[in-house]
Amino acid sequence: MSENKVCLPDELMVATMTKVIDLSLPNYSGEKKKIFISTKEAMEMMNVKSTQTMQDYRNNGVFDYYQLSSKNIIYKRADIEAYIETKKQKRFL
């Protein structure tokens, strides 16, 4: 079985992946929600201020990520939301 491989220049790869990233699904309120988010967006969702913290999360396997190029890393929004949900605290009655 032979494999067909396609090599793209970095700029074309980033442009292509950007289109893929922009795919979105409607959420319950009807607004569009992106499936993939950037490191900056993930940091904002988790209120993380340091890129080193994100690096530590990646190194420790806290959530999956996709490295499109050396500086272009994206995450599934659902993975970040699931991680945040694990941090929920029960209130005392």
C-alpha atoms as a PDB file:
ATOM      1  CA  MET A   1       0.000   0.000   0.000  1.00  0.00           C
ATOM      2  CA  SER A   2       1.528   3.325  -1.014  1.00  0.00           C
ATOM      3  CA  GLU A   3       1.043   6.567   0.840  1.00  0.00           C
ATOM      4  CA  ASN A   4       0.588   9.942  -0.754  1.00  0.00           C
ATOM      5  CA  LYS A   5       2.183  12.757   1.181  1.00  0.00           C
ATOM      6  CA  VAL A   6       1.789  16.456   0.585  1.00  0.00           C
ATOM      7  CA  CYS A   7       4.381  18.963   1.782  1.00  0.00           C
ATOM      8  CA  LEU A   8       3.268  22.561   2.103  1.00  0.00           C
ATOM      9  CA  PRO A   9       5.301  25.685   2.776  1.00  0.00           C
ATOM     10  CA  ASP A  10       4.788  27.017   6.320  1.00  0.00           C
ATOM     11  CA  GLU A  11       2.714  29.991   5.161  1.00  0.00           C
ATOM     12  CA  LEU A  12       0.337  27.790   3.156  1.00  0.00           C
ATOM     13  CA  MET A  13       0.122  25.280   6.000  1.00  0.00           C
ATOM     14  CA  VAL A  14      -0.801  28.005   8.481  1.00  0.00           C
ATOM     15  CA  ALA A  15      -3.367  29.473   6.074  1.00  0.00           C
ATOM     16  CA  THR A  16      -4.896  26.040   5.488  1.00  0.00           C
ATOM     17  CA  MET A  17      -5.018  25.208   9.172  1.00  0.00           C
ATOM     18  CA  THR A  18      -6.492  28.611   9.949  1.00  0.00           C
ATOM     19  CA  LYS A  19      -9.409  27.732   7.691  1.00  0.00           C
ATOM     20  CA  VAL A  20      -9.800  24.418   9.500  1.00  0.00           C
ATOM     21  CA  ILE A  21      -9.613  26.170  12.874  1.00  0.00           C
ATOM     22  CA  ASP A  22     -12.354  28.560  11.832  1.00  0.00           C
ATOM     23  CA  LEU A  23     -14.802  25.674  11.506  1.00  0.00           C
ATOM     24  CA  SER A  24     -17.437  26.203  14.104  1.00  0.00           C
ATOM     25  CA  LEU A  25     -20.479  24.604  15.656  1.00  0.00           C
ATOM     26  CA  PRO A  26     -23.529  26.376  17.016  1.00  0.00           C
ATOM     27  CA  ASN A  27     -23.833  26.254  20.784  1.00  0.00           C
ATOM     28  CA  TYR A  28     -27.079  26.235  22.717  1.00  0.00           C
ATOM     29  CA  SER A  29     -27.550  29.983  22.456  1.00  0.00           C
ATOM     30  CA  GLY A  30     -27.242  29.769  18.669  1.00  0.00           C
ATOM     31  CA  GLU A  31     -23.946  31.665  18.485  1.00  0.00           C
ATOM     32  CA  LYS A  32     -20.993  30.150  16.656  1.00  0.00           C
ATOM     33  CA  LYS A  33     -18.287  28.546  18.749  1.00  0.00           C
ATOM     34  CA  LYS A  34     -14.902  27.618  17.287  1.00  0.00           C
ATOM     35  CA  ILE A  35     -13.808  23.999  17.691  1.00  0.00           C
ATOM     36  CA  PHE A  36     -10.119  24.918  17.943  1.00  0.00           C
ATOM     37  CA  ILE A  37      -8.691  27.848  19.875  1.00  0.00           C
ATOM     38  CA  SER A  38      -5.296  29.501  20.085  1.00  0.00           C
ATOM     39  CA  THR A  39      -2.987  29.450  23.085  1.00  0.00           C
ATOM     40  CA  LYS A  40      -4.000  33.034  23.850  1.00  0.00           C
ATOM     41  CA  GLU A  41      -7.705  32.110  23.837  1.00  0.00           C
ATOM     42  CA  ALA A  42      -7.049  29.061  26.036  1.00  0.00           C
ATOM     43  CA  MET A  43      -5.091  31.232  28.473  1.00  0.00           C
ATOM     44  CA  GLU A  44      -7.963  33.725  28.617  1.00  0.00           C
ATOM     45  CA  MET A  45     -10.510  30.957  29.271  1.00  0.00           C
ATOM     46  CA  MET A  46      -8.435  29.616  32.177  1.00  0.00           C
ATOM     47  CA  ASN A  47      -7.279  33.035  33.429  1.00  0.00           C
ATOM     48  CA  VAL A  48      -3.651  31.938  32.966  1.00  0.00           C
ATOM     49  CA  LYS A  49      -1.160  34.781  32.664  1.00  0.00           C
ATOM     50  CA  SER A  50       2.039  32.886  31.784  1.00  0.00           C
ATOM     51  CA  THR A  51       2.885  30.998  28.606  1.00  0.00           C
ATOM     52  CA  GLN A  52       5.200  28.898  30.804  1.00  0.00           C
ATOM     53  CA  THR A  53       2.130  27.612  32.645  1.00  0.00           C
ATOM     54  CA  MET A  54       0.673  26.506  29.323  1.00  0.00           C
ATOM     55  CA  GLN A  55       3.984  24.823  28.492  1.00  0.00           C
ATOM     56  CA  ASP A  56       3.869  23.024  31.857  1.00  0.00           C
ATOM     57  CA  TYR A  57       0.306  21.853  31.143  1.00  0.00           C
ATOM     58  CA  ARG A  58       1.426  20.489  27.754  1.00  0.00           C
ATOM     59  CA  ASN A  59       4.512  18.802  29.243  1.00  0.00           C
ATOM     60  CA  ASN A  60       2.415  17.168  31.969  1.00  0.00           C
ATOM     61  CA  GLY A  61      -0.327  15.997  29.593  1.00  0.00           C
ATOM     62  CA  VAL A  62      -3.044  18.048  31.275  1.00  0.00           C
ATOM     63  CA  PHE A  63      -4.817  18.348  27.915  1.00  0.00           C
ATOM     64  CA  ASP A  64      -4.118  17.504  24.292  1.00  0.00           C
ATOM     65  CA  TYR A  65      -2.786  20.071  21.859  1.00  0.00           C
ATOM     66  CA  TYR A  66      -1.918  20.354  18.198  1.00  0.00           C
ATOM     67  CA  GLN A  67       1.413  21.831  17.165  1.00  0.00           C
ATOM     68  CA  LEU A  68       1.008  23.104  13.620  1.00  0.00           C
ATOM     69  CA  SER A  69       4.446  24.703  13.567  1.00  0.00           C
ATOM     70  CA  SER A  70       7.090  25.553  16.154  1.00  0.00           C
ATOM     71  CA  LYS A  71       5.140  28.576  17.431  1.00  0.00           C
ATOM     72  CA  ASN A  72       1.604  27.742  16.313  1.00  0.00           C
ATOM     73  CA  ILE A  73      -0.147  25.599  18.935  1.00  0.00           C
ATOM     74  CA  ILE A  74      -3.905  25.121  19.135  1.00  0.00           C
ATOM     75  CA  TYR A  75      -6.265  23.319  21.493  1.00  0.00           C
ATOM     76  CA  LYS A  76      -9.744  21.857  21.251  1.00  0.00           C
ATOM     77  CA  ARG A  77     -12.116  24.191  23.059  1.00  0.00           C
ATOM     78  CA  ALA A  78     -13.936  21.163  24.527  1.00  0.00           C
ATOM     79  CA  ASP A  79     -10.683  19.890  26.100  1.00  0.00           C
ATOM     80  CA  ILE A  80     -10.057  23.232  27.803  1.00  0.00           C
ATOM     81  CA  GLU A  81     -13.673  23.415  28.984  1.00  0.00           C
ATOM     82  CA  ALA A  82     -13.415  19.847  30.345  1.00  0.00           C
ATOM     83  CA  TYR A  83     -10.228  20.753  32.234  1.00  0.00           C
ATOM     84  CA  ILE A  84     -11.901  23.807  33.745  1.00  0.00           C
ATOM     85  CA  GLU A  85     -14.846  21.647  34.783  1.00  0.00           C
ATOM     86  CA  THR A  86     -12.482  19.333  36.717  1.00  0.00           C
ATOM     87  CA  LYS A  87     -11.568  22.318  38.897  1.00  0.00           C
ATOM     88  CA  LYS A  88     -15.138  22.898  40.066  1.00  0.00           C
ATOM     89  CA  GLN A  89     -15.455  22.999  43.842  1.00  0.00           C
ATOM     90  CA  LYS A  90     -18.517  21.833  45.739  1.00  0.00           C
ATOM     91  CA  ARG A  91     -19.893  24.423  48.088  1.00  0.00           C
ATOM     92  CA  PHE A  92     -20.543  23.659  51.707  1.00  0.00           C
ATOM     93  CA  LEU A  93     -24.121  23.819  52.891  1.00  0.00           C
END
